[in-house]
């Protein structure tokens, strides 16, 4: 983990109260840890959202031939996966 940088934020009082409640539930009450954890969760969610958009754009741009090839590969995967349940 990198070095810590102190920042100042202006937040709605209800948000601060919720952060304080969450901080109070931990072993060491600490607003910074709660906010950092929330921001890390948000950043991870944003990365996943962007990846989903990129995948969607990739598939939307496939030609008809590429879509058919992709469907064929998916069918092979489905067929192989269906055999996993066989004894």
PDB file of N, CA and C in Angstrom:
ATOM      1  N   UNK A   1       0.852  -1.174   0.000  1.00  0.00           N
ATOM      2  CA  UNK A   1       0.000   0.000   0.000  1.00  0.00           C
ATOM      3  C   UNK A   1       0.891   1.228   0.000  1.00  0.00           C
ATOM      4  N   UNK A   2       0.459   2.266  -0.734  1.00  0.00           N
ATOM      5  CA  UNK A   2       1.222   3.503  -0.826  1.00  0.00           C
ATOM      6  C   UNK A   2       1.117   4.340   0.444  1.00  0.00           C
ATOM      7  N   UNK A   3       1.792   5.447   0.404  1.00  0.00           N
ATOM      8  CA  UNK A   3       1.752   6.339   1.560  1.00  0.00           C
ATOM      9  C   UNK A   3       0.384   6.982   1.665  1.00  0.00           C
ATOM     10  N   UNK A   4       0.040   7.414   2.839  1.00  0.00           N
ATOM     11  CA  UNK A   4      -1.258   8.051   3.092  1.00  0.00           C
ATOM     12  C   UNK A   4      -1.126   9.554   2.875  1.00  0.00           C
ATOM     13  N   UNK A   5      -2.152  10.139   2.271  1.00  0.00           N
ATOM     14  CA  UNK A   5      -2.200  11.574   2.023  1.00  0.00           C
ATOM     15  C   UNK A   5      -3.447  12.115   2.700  1.00  0.00           C
ATOM     16  N   UNK A   6      -3.272  13.138   3.492  1.00  0.00           N
ATOM     17  CA  UNK A   6      -4.412  13.728   4.191  1.00  0.00           C
ATOM     18  C   UNK A   6      -5.179  14.641   3.247  1.00  0.00           C
ATOM     19  N   UNK A   7      -6.511  14.455   3.229  1.00  0.00           N
ATOM     20  CA  UNK A   7      -7.377  15.296   2.406  1.00  0.00           C
ATOM     21  C   UNK A   7      -8.508  15.824   3.281  1.00  0.00           C
ATOM     22  N   UNK A   8      -9.150  16.841   2.805  1.00  0.00           N
ATOM     23  CA  UNK A   8     -10.293  17.411   3.500  1.00  0.00           C
ATOM     24  C   UNK A   8     -11.506  17.252   2.610  1.00  0.00           C
ATOM     25  N   UNK A   9     -12.614  16.790   3.174  1.00  0.00           N
ATOM     26  CA  UNK A   9     -13.845  16.590   2.415  1.00  0.00           C
ATOM     27  C   UNK A   9     -14.984  17.334   3.086  1.00  0.00           C
ATOM     28  N   UNK A  10     -15.918  17.795   2.289  1.00  0.00           N
ATOM     29  CA  UNK A  10     -17.143  18.387   2.807  1.00  0.00           C
ATOM     30  C   UNK A  10     -18.262  17.427   2.460  1.00  0.00           C
ATOM     31  N   UNK A  11     -18.901  16.881   3.503  1.00  0.00           N
ATOM     32  CA  UNK A  11     -19.920  15.855   3.321  1.00  0.00           C
ATOM     33  C   UNK A  11     -21.200  16.235   4.035  1.00  0.00           C
ATOM     34  N   UNK A  12     -22.290  15.700   3.552  1.00  0.00           N
ATOM     35  CA  UNK A  12     -23.578  15.868   4.212  1.00  0.00           C
ATOM     36  C   UNK A  12     -23.483  15.277   5.624  1.00  0.00           C
ATOM     37  N   UNK A  13     -24.097  15.946   6.577  1.00  0.00           N
ATOM     38  CA  UNK A  13     -23.984  15.499   7.970  1.00  0.00           C
ATOM     39  C   UNK A  13     -24.516  14.080   8.171  1.00  0.00           C
ATOM     40  N   UNK A  14     -25.520  13.687   7.393  1.00  0.00           N
ATOM     41  CA  UNK A  14     -26.062  12.324   7.526  1.00  0.00           C
ATOM     42  C   UNK A  14     -25.048  11.291   7.057  1.00  0.00           C
ATOM     43  N   UNK A  15     -24.266  11.655   6.044  1.00  0.00           N
ATOM     44  CA  UNK A  15     -23.216  10.748   5.578  1.00  0.00           C
ATOM     45  C   UNK A  15     -22.150  10.596   6.661  1.00  0.00           C
ATOM     46  N   UNK A  16     -21.755  11.710   7.269  1.00  0.00           N
ATOM     47  CA  UNK A  16     -20.744  11.667   8.336  1.00  0.00           C
ATOM     48  C   UNK A  16     -21.249  10.836   9.516  1.00  0.00           C
ATOM     49  N   UNK A  17     -22.519  10.990   9.860  1.00  0.00           N
ATOM     50  CA  UNK A  17     -23.090  10.200  10.959  1.00  0.00           C
ATOM     51  C   UNK A  17     -23.046   8.709  10.625  1.00  0.00           C
ATOM     52  N   UNK A  18     -23.348   8.363   9.386  1.00  0.00           N
ATOM     53  CA  UNK A  18     -23.305   6.952   8.975  1.00  0.00           C
ATOM     54  C   UNK A  18     -21.872   6.429   9.010  1.00  0.00           C
ATOM     55  N   UNK A  19     -20.925   7.249   8.563  1.00  0.00           N
ATOM     56  CA  UNK A  19     -19.514   6.851   8.610  1.00  0.00           C
ATOM     57  C   UNK A  19     -19.089   6.644  10.056  1.00  0.00           C
ATOM     58  N   UNK A  20     -19.494   7.557  10.945  1.00  0.00           N
ATOM     59  CA  UNK A  20     -19.141   7.425  12.355  1.00  0.00           C
ATOM     60  C   UNK A  20     -19.734   6.159  12.967  1.00  0.00           C
ATOM     61  N   UNK A  21     -20.978   5.834  12.593  1.00  0.00           N
ATOM     62  CA  UNK A  21     -21.584   4.592  13.099  1.00  0.00           C
ATOM     63  C   UNK A  21     -20.789   3.384  12.612  1.00  0.00           C
ATOM     64  N   UNK A  22     -20.431   3.396  11.334  1.00  0.00           N
ATOM     65  CA  UNK A  22     -19.661   2.278  10.777  1.00  0.00           C
ATOM     66  C   UNK A  22     -18.284   2.191  11.432  1.00  0.00           C
ATOM     67  N   UNK A  23     -17.670   3.332  11.681  1.00  0.00           N
ATOM     68  CA  UNK A  23     -16.355   3.340  12.321  1.00  0.00           C
ATOM     69  C   UNK A  23     -16.458   2.818  13.750  1.00  0.00           C
ATOM     70  N   UNK A  24     -17.557   3.136  14.409  1.00  0.00           N
ATOM     71  CA  UNK A  24     -17.748   2.698  15.790  1.00  0.00           C
ATOM     72  C   UNK A  24     -17.963   1.201  15.923  1.00  0.00           C
ATOM     73  N   UNK A  25     -18.349   0.541  14.820  1.00  0.00           N
ATOM     74  CA  UNK A  25     -18.577  -0.896  14.845  1.00  0.00           C
ATOM     75  C   UNK A  25     -17.283  -1.685  14.705  1.00  0.00           C
ATOM     76  N   UNK A  26     -16.223  -1.042  14.270  1.00  0.00           N
ATOM     77  CA  UNK A  26     -14.955  -1.732  14.049  1.00  0.00           C
ATOM     78  C   UNK A  26     -14.133  -1.814  15.320  1.00  0.00           C
ATOM     79  N   UNK A  27     -13.021  -2.537  15.236  1.00  0.00           N
ATOM     80  CA  UNK A  27     -12.153  -2.676  16.415  1.00  0.00           C
ATOM     81  C   UNK A  27     -11.500  -1.358  16.812  1.00  0.00           C
ATOM     82  N   UNK A  28     -11.248  -0.494  15.802  1.00  0.00           N
ATOM     83  CA  UNK A  28     -10.666   0.824  16.077  1.00  0.00           C
ATOM     84  C   UNK A  28     -11.501   1.863  15.353  1.00  0.00           C
ATOM     85  N   UNK A  29     -12.296   2.645  16.066  1.00  0.00           N
ATOM     86  CA  UNK A  29     -13.100   3.670  15.395  1.00  0.00           C
ATOM     87  C   UNK A  29     -12.206   4.603  14.582  1.00  0.00           C
ATOM     88  N   UNK A  30     -12.436   4.662  13.263  1.00  0.00           N
ATOM     89  CA  UNK A  30     -11.577   5.456  12.421  1.00  0.00           C
ATOM     90  C   UNK A  30     -12.334   5.824  11.140  1.00  0.00           C
ATOM     91  N   UNK A  31     -12.676   7.080  11.018  1.00  0.00           N
ATOM     92  CA  UNK A  31     -13.387   7.555   9.826  1.00  0.00           C
ATOM     93  C   UNK A  31     -12.590   7.278   8.550  1.00  0.00           C
ATOM     94  N   UNK A  32     -11.304   7.531   8.609  1.00  0.00           N
ATOM     95  CA  UNK A  32     -10.476   7.372   7.418  1.00  0.00           C
ATOM     96  C   UNK A  32     -10.537   5.955   6.871  1.00  0.00           C
ATOM     97  N   UNK A  33     -10.489   4.963   7.749  1.00  0.00           N
ATOM     98  CA  UNK A  33     -10.541   3.570   7.299  1.00  0.00           C
ATOM     99  C   UNK A  33     -11.889   3.262   6.628  1.00  0.00           C
ATOM    100  N   UNK A  34     -12.969   3.774   7.206  1.00  0.00           N
ATOM    101  CA  UNK A  34     -14.303   3.535   6.634  1.00  0.00           C
ATOM    102  C   UNK A  34     -14.404   4.175   5.256  1.00  0.00           C
ATOM    103  N   UNK A  35     -13.967   5.423   5.133  1.00  0.00           N
ATOM    104  CA  UNK A  35     -14.045   6.121   3.855  1.00  0.00           C
ATOM    105  C   UNK A  35     -13.133   5.455   2.831  1.00  0.00           C
ATOM    106  N   UNK A  36     -11.929   5.071   3.232  1.00  0.00           N
ATOM    107  CA  UNK A  36     -11.013   4.418   2.298  1.00  0.00           C
ATOM    108  C   UNK A  36     -11.586   3.088   1.815  1.00  0.00           C
ATOM    109  N   UNK A  37     -12.172   2.312   2.714  1.00  0.00           N
ATOM    110  CA  UNK A  37     -12.779   1.030   2.343  1.00  0.00           C
ATOM    111  C   UNK A  37     -13.931   1.262   1.346  1.00  0.00           C
ATOM    112  N   UNK A  38     -14.746   2.281   1.627  1.00  0.00           N
ATOM    113  CA  UNK A  38     -15.868   2.595   0.727  1.00  0.00           C
ATOM    114  C   UNK A  38     -15.367   3.037  -0.647  1.00  0.00           C
ATOM    115  N   UNK A  39     -14.333   3.844  -0.677  1.00  0.00           N
ATOM    116  CA  UNK A  39     -13.787   4.298  -1.959  1.00  0.00           C
ATOM    117  C   UNK A  39     -13.157   3.145  -2.735  1.00  0.00           C
ATOM    118  N   UNK A  40     -12.473   2.253  -2.039  1.00  0.00           N
ATOM    119  CA  UNK A  40     -11.898   1.084  -2.720  1.00  0.00           C
ATOM    120  C   UNK A  40     -13.012   0.222  -3.337  1.00  0.00           C
ATOM    121  N   UNK A  41     -14.100   0.048  -2.603  1.00  0.00           N
ATOM    122  CA  UNK A  41     -15.237  -0.720  -3.117  1.00  0.00           C
ATOM    123  C   UNK A  41     -15.812  -0.033  -4.347  1.00  0.00           C
ATOM    124  N   UNK A  42     -15.966   1.283  -4.285  1.00  0.00           N
ATOM    125  CA  UNK A  42     -16.491   2.039  -5.419  1.00  0.00           C
ATOM    126  C   UNK A  42     -15.556   1.945  -6.624  1.00  0.00           C
ATOM    127  N   UNK A  43     -14.251   2.074  -6.401  1.00  0.00           N
ATOM    128  CA  UNK A  43     -13.289   1.991  -7.500  1.00  0.00           C
ATOM    129  C   UNK A  43     -13.333   0.616  -8.169  1.00  0.00           C
ATOM    130  N   UNK A  44     -13.440  -0.435  -7.370  1.00  0.00           N
ATOM    131  CA  UNK A  44     -13.540  -1.792  -7.909  1.00  0.00           C
ATOM    132  C   UNK A  44     -14.818  -1.929  -8.745  1.00  0.00           C
ATOM    133  N   UNK A  45     -15.911  -1.386  -8.229  1.00  0.00           N
ATOM    134  CA  UNK A  45     -17.180  -1.422  -8.941  1.00  0.00           C
ATOM    135  C   UNK A  45     -17.080  -0.664 -10.267  1.00  0.00           C
ATOM    136  N   UNK A  46     -16.418   0.463 -10.275  1.00  0.00           N
ATOM    137  CA  UNK A  46     -16.238   1.250 -11.494  1.00  0.00           C
ATOM    138  C   UNK A  46     -15.393   0.485 -12.517  1.00  0.00           C
ATOM    139  N   UNK A  47     -14.349  -0.200 -12.063  1.00  0.00           N
ATOM    140  CA  UNK A  47     -13.532  -1.001 -12.982  1.00  0.00           C
ATOM    141  C   UNK A  47     -14.373  -2.096 -13.619  1.00  0.00           C
ATOM    142  N   UNK A  48     -15.213  -2.752 -12.816  1.00  0.00           N
ATOM    143  CA  UNK A  48     -16.077  -3.810 -13.333  1.00  0.00           C
ATOM    144  C   UNK A  48     -17.101  -3.238 -14.315  1.00  0.00           C
ATOM    145  N   UNK A  49     -17.647  -2.075 -14.005  1.00  0.00           N
ATOM    146  CA  UNK A  49     -18.628  -1.447 -14.885  1.00  0.00           C
ATOM    147  C   UNK A  49     -17.993  -1.116 -16.230  1.00  0.00           C
ATOM    148  N   UNK A  50     -16.779  -0.548 -16.192  1.00  0.00           N
ATOM    149  CA  UNK A  50     -16.095  -0.204 -17.442  1.00  0.00           C
ATOM    150  C   UNK A  50     -15.767  -1.463 -18.250  1.00  0.00           C
ATOM    151  N   UNK A  51     -15.344  -2.518 -17.570  1.00  0.00           N
ATOM    152  CA  UNK A  51     -15.055  -3.770 -18.263  1.00  0.00           C
ATOM    153  C   UNK A  51     -16.320  -4.326 -18.912  1.00  0.00           C
ATOM    154  N   UNK A  52     -17.433  -4.290 -18.192  1.00  0.00           N
ATOM    155  CA  UNK A  52     -18.711  -4.737 -18.758  1.00  0.00           C
ATOM    156  C   UNK A  52     -19.058  -3.938 -20.015  1.00  0.00           C
ATOM    157  N   UNK A  53     -18.845  -2.621 -19.971  1.00  0.00           N
ATOM    158  CA  UNK A  53     -19.129  -1.777 -21.137  1.00  0.00           C
ATOM    159  C   UNK A  53     -18.226  -2.138 -22.313  1.00  0.00           C
ATOM    160  N   UNK A  54     -16.946  -2.408 -22.030  1.00  0.00           N
ATOM    161  CA  UNK A  54     -16.013  -2.765 -23.091  1.00  0.00           C
ATOM    162  C   UNK A  54     -16.384  -4.108 -23.720  1.00  0.00           C
ATOM    163  N   UNK A  55     -16.772  -5.073 -22.887  1.00  0.00           N
ATOM    164  CA  UNK A  55     -17.180  -6.383 -23.408  1.00  0.00           C
ATOM    165  C   UNK A  55     -18.438  -6.237 -24.256  1.00  0.00           C
ATOM    166  N   UNK A  56     -19.392  -5.452 -23.761  1.00  0.00           N
ATOM    167  CA  UNK A  56     -20.626  -5.227 -24.508  1.00  0.00           C
ATOM    168  C   UNK A  56     -20.329  -4.564 -25.855  1.00  0.00           C
ATOM    169  N   UNK A  57     -19.449  -3.578 -25.860  1.00  0.00           N
ATOM    170  CA  UNK A  57     -19.089  -2.895 -27.109  1.00  0.00           C
ATOM    171  C   UNK A  57     -18.384  -3.859 -28.062  1.00  0.00           C
ATOM    172  N   UNK A  58     -17.533  -4.729 -27.523  1.00  0.00           N
ATOM    173  CA  UNK A  58     -16.833  -5.708 -28.358  1.00  0.00           C
ATOM    174  C   UNK A  58     -17.840  -6.605 -29.074  1.00  0.00           C
ATOM    175  N   UNK A  59     -18.769  -7.154 -28.317  1.00  0.00           N
ATOM    176  CA  UNK A  59     -19.740  -8.064 -28.923  1.00  0.00           C
ATOM    177  C   UNK A  59     -20.706  -7.329 -29.859  1.00  0.00           C
ATOM    178  N   UNK A  60     -21.003  -6.095 -29.579  1.00  0.00           N
ATOM    179  CA  UNK A  60     -21.893  -5.321 -30.447  1.00  0.00           C
ATOM    180  C   UNK A  60     -21.240  -5.038 -31.796  1.00  0.00           C
ATOM    181  N   UNK A  61     -19.909  -4.991 -31.823  1.00  0.00           N
ATOM    182  CA  UNK A  61     -19.193  -4.683 -33.057  1.00  0.00           C
ATOM    183  C   UNK A  61     -18.843  -5.915 -33.889  1.00  0.00           C
ATOM    184  N   UNK A  62     -19.176  -7.110 -33.421  1.00  0.00           N
ATOM    185  CA  UNK A  62     -18.850  -8.318 -34.186  1.00  0.00           C
ATOM    186  C   UNK A  62     -19.666  -8.385 -35.475  1.00  0.00           C
ATOM    187  N   UNK A  63     -19.015  -8.854 -36.511  1.00  0.00           N
ATOM    188  CA  UNK A  63     -19.729  -9.075 -37.780  1.00  0.00           C
ATOM    189  C   UNK A  63     -20.609 -10.315 -37.623  1.00  0.00           C
ATOM    190  N   UNK A  64     -21.468 -10.548 -38.597  1.00  0.00           N
ATOM    191  CA  UNK A  64     -22.339 -11.729 -38.556  1.00  0.00           C
ATOM    192  C   UNK A  64     -21.513 -13.006 -38.525  1.00  0.00           C
ATOM    193  N   UNK A  65     -20.437 -13.048 -39.292  1.00  0.00           N
ATOM    194  CA  UNK A  65     -19.570 -14.235 -39.316  1.00  0.00           C
ATOM    195  C   UNK A  65     -18.901 -14.441 -37.954  1.00  0.00           C
ATOM    196  N   UNK A  66     -18.436 -13.337 -37.352  1.00  0.00           N
ATOM    197  CA  UNK A  66     -17.804 -13.440 -36.036  1.00  0.00           C
ATOM    198  C   UNK A  66     -18.810 -13.880 -34.972  1.00  0.00           C
ATOM    199  N   UNK A  67     -20.047 -13.393 -35.074  1.00  0.00           N
ATOM    200  CA  UNK A  67     -21.090 -13.814 -34.137  1.00  0.00           C
ATOM    201  C   UNK A  67     -21.374 -15.299 -34.278  1.00  0.00           C
ATOM    202  N   UNK A  68     -21.400 -15.793 -35.504  1.00  0.00           N
ATOM    203  CA  UNK A  68     -21.642 -17.221 -35.729  1.00  0.00           C
ATOM    204  C   UNK A  68     -20.496 -18.050 -35.154  1.00  0.00           C
ATOM    205  N   UNK A  69     -19.270 -17.600 -35.365  1.00  0.00           N
ATOM    206  CA  UNK A  69     -18.112 -18.319 -34.817  1.00  0.00           C
ATOM    207  C   UNK A  69     -18.149 -18.324 -33.293  1.00  0.00           C
ATOM    208  N   UNK A  70     -18.485 -17.172 -32.718  1.00  0.00           N
ATOM    209  CA  UNK A  70     -18.577 -17.075 -31.260  1.00  0.00           C
ATOM    210  C   UNK A  70     -19.651 -18.028 -30.726  1.00  0.00           C
ATOM    211  N   UNK A  71     -20.782 -18.088 -31.405  1.00  0.00           N
ATOM    212  CA  UNK A  71     -21.868 -18.987 -30.988  1.00  0.00           C
ATOM    213  C   UNK A  71     -21.423 -20.439 -31.068  1.00  0.00           C
ATOM    214  N   UNK A  72     -20.650 -20.765 -32.103  1.00  0.00           N
ATOM    215  CA  UNK A  72     -20.152 -22.141 -32.240  1.00  0.00           C
ATOM    216  C   UNK A  72     -19.213 -22.498 -31.099  1.00  0.00           C
ATOM    217  N   UNK A  73     -18.310 -21.593 -30.764  1.00  0.00           N
ATOM    218  CA  UNK A  73     -17.398 -21.846 -29.640  1.00  0.00           C
ATOM    219  C   UNK A  73     -18.181 -21.962 -28.332  1.00  0.00           C
ATOM    220  N   UNK A  74     -19.163 -21.125 -28.146  1.00  0.00           N
ATOM    221  CA  UNK A  74     -19.977 -21.184 -26.921  1.00  0.00           C
ATOM    222  C   UNK A  74     -20.706 -22.520 -26.845  1.00  0.00           C
ATOM    223  N   UNK A  75     -21.206 -23.001 -27.995  1.00  0.00           N
ATOM    224  CA  UNK A  75     -21.877 -24.291 -28.016  1.00  0.00           C
ATOM    225  C   UNK A  75     -20.952 -25.416 -27.619  1.00  0.00           C
ATOM    226  N   UNK A  76     -19.698 -25.353 -28.062  1.00  0.00           N
ATOM    227  CA  UNK A  76     -18.718 -26.367 -27.673  1.00  0.00           C
ATOM    228  C   UNK A  76     -18.463 -26.319 -26.167  1.00  0.00           C
ATOM    229  N   UNK A  77     -18.391 -25.114 -25.639  1.00  0.00           N
ATOM    230  CA  UNK A  77     -18.188 -24.969 -24.194  1.00  0.00           C
ATOM    231  C   UNK A  77     -19.363 -25.523 -23.408  1.00  0.00           C
ATOM    232  N   UNK A  78     -20.575 -25.243 -23.877  1.00  0.00           N
ATOM    233  CA  UNK A  78     -21.772 -25.770 -23.214  1.00  0.00           C
ATOM    234  C   UNK A  78     -21.785 -27.293 -23.249  1.00  0.00           C
ATOM    235  N   UNK A  79     -21.398 -27.846 -24.397  1.00  0.00           N
ATOM    236  CA  UNK A  79     -21.376 -29.302 -24.549  1.00  0.00           C
ATOM    237  C   UNK A  79     -20.363 -29.923 -23.590  1.00  0.00           C
ATOM    238  N   UNK A  80     -19.183 -29.324 -23.511  1.00  0.00           N
ATOM    239  CA  UNK A  80     -18.153 -29.848 -22.610  1.00  0.00           C
ATOM    240  C   UNK A  80     -18.590 -29.723 -21.156  1.00  0.00           C
ATOM    241  N   UNK A  81     -19.193 -28.604 -20.806  1.00  0.00           N
ATOM    242  CA  UNK A  81     -19.626 -28.393 -19.426  1.00  0.00           C
ATOM    243  C   UNK A  81     -20.728 -29.357 -19.036  1.00  0.00           C
ATOM    244  N   UNK A  82     -21.582 -29.727 -19.992  1.00  0.00           N
ATOM    245  CA  UNK A  82     -22.675 -30.650 -19.672  1.00  0.00           C
ATOM    246  C   UNK A  82     -22.133 -32.028 -19.297  1.00  0.00           C
ATOM    247  N   UNK A  83     -20.939 -32.343 -19.759  1.00  0.00           N
ATOM    248  CA  UNK A  83     -20.332 -33.653 -19.430  1.00  0.00           C
ATOM    249  C   UNK A  83     -19.731 -33.677 -18.027  1.00  0.00           C
ATOM    250  N   UNK A  84     -19.540 -32.525 -17.396  1.00  0.00           N
ATOM    251  CA  UNK A  84     -18.963 -32.491 -16.055  1.00  0.00           C
ATOM    252  C   UNK A  84     -19.818 -33.217 -15.044  1.00  0.00           C
ATOM    253  N   UNK A  85     -21.123 -33.218 -15.282  1.00  0.00           N
ATOM    254  CA  UNK A  85     -22.035 -33.854 -14.339  1.00  0.00           C
ATOM    255  C   UNK A  85     -22.125 -35.359 -14.546  1.00  0.00           C
ATOM    256  N   UNK A  86     -21.552 -35.847 -15.630  1.00  0.00           N
ATOM    257  CA  UNK A  86     -21.608 -37.285 -15.897  1.00  0.00           C
ATOM    258  C   UNK A  86     -20.657 -38.018 -14.967  1.00  0.00           C
ATOM    259  N   UNK A  87     -21.076 -39.219 -14.505  1.00  0.00           N
ATOM    260  CA  UNK A  87     -20.182 -39.979 -13.602  1.00  0.00           C
ATOM    261  C   UNK A  87     -18.972 -40.533 -14.297  1.00  0.00           C
TER     262      UNK A  87
END
